[in-house]
Amino acid sequence: MDDSTSNCQLNQSEVDFKTESNEVLETFCSVDDQFAPKVWMTFNTLEDAAKFYKDYSKVAGFSTRVWSTNKKGNEIKNQLITCSREEKWK
């Protein structure tokens, strides 16, 4: 992620430093509470929800994908959006 476009601010205590050469350095940043998802959030449209999670994940440093969609007829009833690196359930 380009630092000039990121609203995320890192503190040294929020960065996980790994010293072994085979491990990936990962950074964790906190997102202001007003922009973080909350339990039982609702959106007017599916597009509004997708945009919220896309924007949130970009600031938080990950990407999302649609995990599953439940429909009744042609109408979408709910949709699960998850981290793009989430493994599929077996």
C-alpha atoms as a PDB file:
ATOM      1  CA  MET A   1       0.000   0.000   0.000  1.00  0.00           C
ATOM      2  CA  ASP A   2       1.335   3.402  -0.913  1.00  0.00           C
ATOM      3  CA  ASP A   3       2.081   5.459   2.204  1.00  0.00           C
ATOM      4  CA  SER A   4       0.901   8.661   0.567  1.00  0.00           C
ATOM      5  CA  THR A   5      -2.634   7.294   0.090  1.00  0.00           C
ATOM      6  CA  SER A   6      -2.957   5.520   3.406  1.00  0.00           C
ATOM      7  CA  ASN A   7      -4.828   7.059   6.327  1.00  0.00           C
ATOM      8  CA  CYS A   8      -3.334   4.461   8.631  1.00  0.00           C
ATOM      9  CA  GLN A   9      -0.748   5.594  11.135  1.00  0.00           C
ATOM     10  CA  LEU A  10       1.589   3.042  12.637  1.00  0.00           C
ATOM     11  CA  ASN A  11       3.210   3.156  16.031  1.00  0.00           C
ATOM     12  CA  GLN A  12       6.366   1.141  16.603  1.00  0.00           C
ATOM     13  CA  SER A  13       4.479  -0.965  19.153  1.00  0.00           C
ATOM     14  CA  GLU A  14       1.945  -1.946  16.480  1.00  0.00           C
ATOM     15  CA  VAL A  15       4.533  -3.483  14.167  1.00  0.00           C
ATOM     16  CA  ASP A  16       5.461  -7.147  14.549  1.00  0.00           C
ATOM     17  CA  PHE A  17       9.178  -7.426  13.811  1.00  0.00           C
ATOM     18  CA  LYS A  18      10.408 -10.874  12.767  1.00  0.00           C
ATOM     19  CA  THR A  19      14.112 -11.565  12.642  1.00  0.00           C
ATOM     20  CA  GLU A  20      14.200 -14.993  11.020  1.00  0.00           C
ATOM     21  CA  SER A  21      14.819 -14.755   7.292  1.00  0.00           C
ATOM     22  CA  ASN A  22      11.963 -17.113   6.322  1.00  0.00           C
ATOM     23  CA  GLU A  23       9.273 -15.113   8.085  1.00  0.00           C
ATOM     24  CA  VAL A  24       7.282 -12.345   6.492  1.00  0.00           C
ATOM     25  CA  LEU A  25       7.264  -8.964   8.176  1.00  0.00           C
ATOM     26  CA  GLU A  26       3.707  -7.999   8.970  1.00  0.00           C
ATOM     27  CA  THR A  27       2.372  -4.649  10.012  1.00  0.00           C
ATOM     28  CA  PHE A  28      -0.764  -4.132  11.999  1.00  0.00           C
ATOM     29  CA  CYS A  29      -2.376  -0.747  12.271  1.00  0.00           C
ATOM     30  CA  SER A  30      -5.381   0.450  14.118  1.00  0.00           C
ATOM     31  CA  VAL A  31      -8.259   2.059  12.294  1.00  0.00           C
ATOM     32  CA  ASP A  32     -10.203   4.857  13.940  1.00  0.00           C
ATOM     33  CA  ASP A  33     -13.250   3.345  15.663  1.00  0.00           C
ATOM     34  CA  GLN A  34     -15.687   5.448  13.671  1.00  0.00           C
ATOM     35  CA  PHE A  35     -14.492   3.746  10.465  1.00  0.00           C
ATOM     36  CA  ALA A  36     -14.302   0.186  11.815  1.00  0.00           C
ATOM     37  CA  PRO A  37     -17.118  -2.317  11.202  1.00  0.00           C
ATOM     38  CA  LYS A  38     -19.529  -2.946  14.059  1.00  0.00           C
ATOM     39  CA  VAL A  39     -21.675  -5.961  14.883  1.00  0.00           C
ATOM     40  CA  TRP A  40     -25.172  -5.660  13.412  1.00  0.00           C
ATOM     41  CA  MET A  41     -24.259  -2.891  10.973  1.00  0.00           C
ATOM     42  CA  THR A  42     -26.835  -2.500   8.224  1.00  0.00           C
ATOM     43  CA  PHE A  43     -26.571  -0.903   4.796  1.00  0.00           C
ATOM     44  CA  ASN A  44     -29.197   0.395   2.395  1.00  0.00           C
ATOM     45  CA  THR A  45     -27.807  -1.569  -0.537  1.00  0.00           C
ATOM     46  CA  LEU A  46     -25.421  -4.434  -1.175  1.00  0.00           C
ATOM     47  CA  GLU A  47     -23.236  -1.989  -3.110  1.00  0.00           C
ATOM     48  CA  ASP A  48     -23.014   0.293  -0.026  1.00  0.00           C
ATOM     49  CA  ALA A  49     -21.843  -2.649   2.096  1.00  0.00           C
ATOM     50  CA  ALA A  50     -19.284  -3.752  -0.503  1.00  0.00           C
ATOM     51  CA  LYS A  51     -17.891  -0.199  -0.757  1.00  0.00           C
ATOM     52  CA  PHE A  52     -17.674   0.158   3.045  1.00  0.00           C
ATOM     53  CA  TYR A  53     -15.737  -3.087   3.457  1.00  0.00           C
ATOM     54  CA  LYS A  54     -13.514  -2.393   0.440  1.00  0.00           C
ATOM     55  CA  ASP A  55     -12.602   1.046   1.834  1.00  0.00           C
ATOM     56  CA  TYR A  56     -12.149  -0.287   5.369  1.00  0.00           C
ATOM     57  CA  SER A  57      -9.935  -3.174   4.299  1.00  0.00           C
ATOM     58  CA  LYS A  58      -7.744  -0.878   2.203  1.00  0.00           C
ATOM     59  CA  VAL A  59      -7.067   1.381   5.201  1.00  0.00           C
ATOM     60  CA  ALA A  60      -6.579  -1.634   7.497  1.00  0.00           C
ATOM     61  CA  GLY A  61      -4.090  -3.224   5.087  1.00  0.00           C
ATOM     62  CA  PHE A  62      -5.890  -6.235   3.617  1.00  0.00           C
ATOM     63  CA  SER A  63      -8.343  -7.051   0.854  1.00  0.00           C
ATOM     64  CA  THR A  64     -11.760  -8.679   0.916  1.00  0.00           C
ATOM     65  CA  ARG A  65     -13.794 -11.091  -1.170  1.00  0.00           C
ATOM     66  CA  VAL A  66     -17.320 -12.458  -1.150  1.00  0.00           C
ATOM     67  CA  TRP A  67     -17.342 -15.763   0.761  1.00  0.00           C
ATOM     68  CA  SER A  68     -20.956 -16.752   0.213  1.00  0.00           C
ATOM     69  CA  THR A  69     -24.271 -15.341  -0.909  1.00  0.00           C
ATOM     70  CA  ASN A  70     -27.712 -16.542   0.197  1.00  0.00           C
ATOM     71  CA  LYS A  71     -30.615 -15.919  -2.161  1.00  0.00           C
ATOM     72  CA  LYS A  72     -34.345 -16.438  -2.123  1.00  0.00           C
ATOM     73  CA  GLY A  73     -35.319 -16.653  -5.740  1.00  0.00           C
ATOM     74  CA  ASN A  74     -33.376 -13.922  -7.507  1.00  0.00           C
ATOM     75  CA  GLU A  75     -33.176 -11.720  -4.403  1.00  0.00           C
ATOM     76  CA  ILE A  76     -29.994 -11.686  -2.321  1.00  0.00           C
ATOM     77  CA  LYS A  77     -30.878 -12.111   1.365  1.00  0.00           C
ATOM     78  CA  ASN A  78     -27.368 -11.853   2.829  1.00  0.00           C
ATOM     79  CA  GLN A  79     -23.765 -12.004   1.795  1.00  0.00           C
ATOM     80  CA  LEU A  80     -20.649 -12.879   3.766  1.00  0.00           C
ATOM     81  CA  ILE A  81     -17.617 -10.715   2.989  1.00  0.00           C
ATOM     82  CA  THR A  82     -14.306 -11.973   4.371  1.00  0.00           C
ATOM     83  CA  CYS A  83     -10.567 -11.368   4.199  1.00  0.00           C
ATOM     84  CA  SER A  84      -9.276 -12.544   0.837  1.00  0.00           C
ATOM     85  CA  ARG A  85      -6.752 -14.812   2.574  1.00  0.00           C
ATOM     86  CA  GLU A  86      -9.385 -16.608   4.659  1.00  0.00           C
ATOM     87  CA  GLU A  87      -9.265 -20.336   3.992  1.00  0.00           C
ATOM     88  CA  LYS A  88     -12.339 -22.186   2.849  1.00  0.00           C
ATOM     89  CA  TRP A  89     -14.094 -24.318   5.426  1.00  0.00           C
ATOM     90  CA  LYS A  90     -13.709 -28.052   4.889  1.00  0.00           C
END
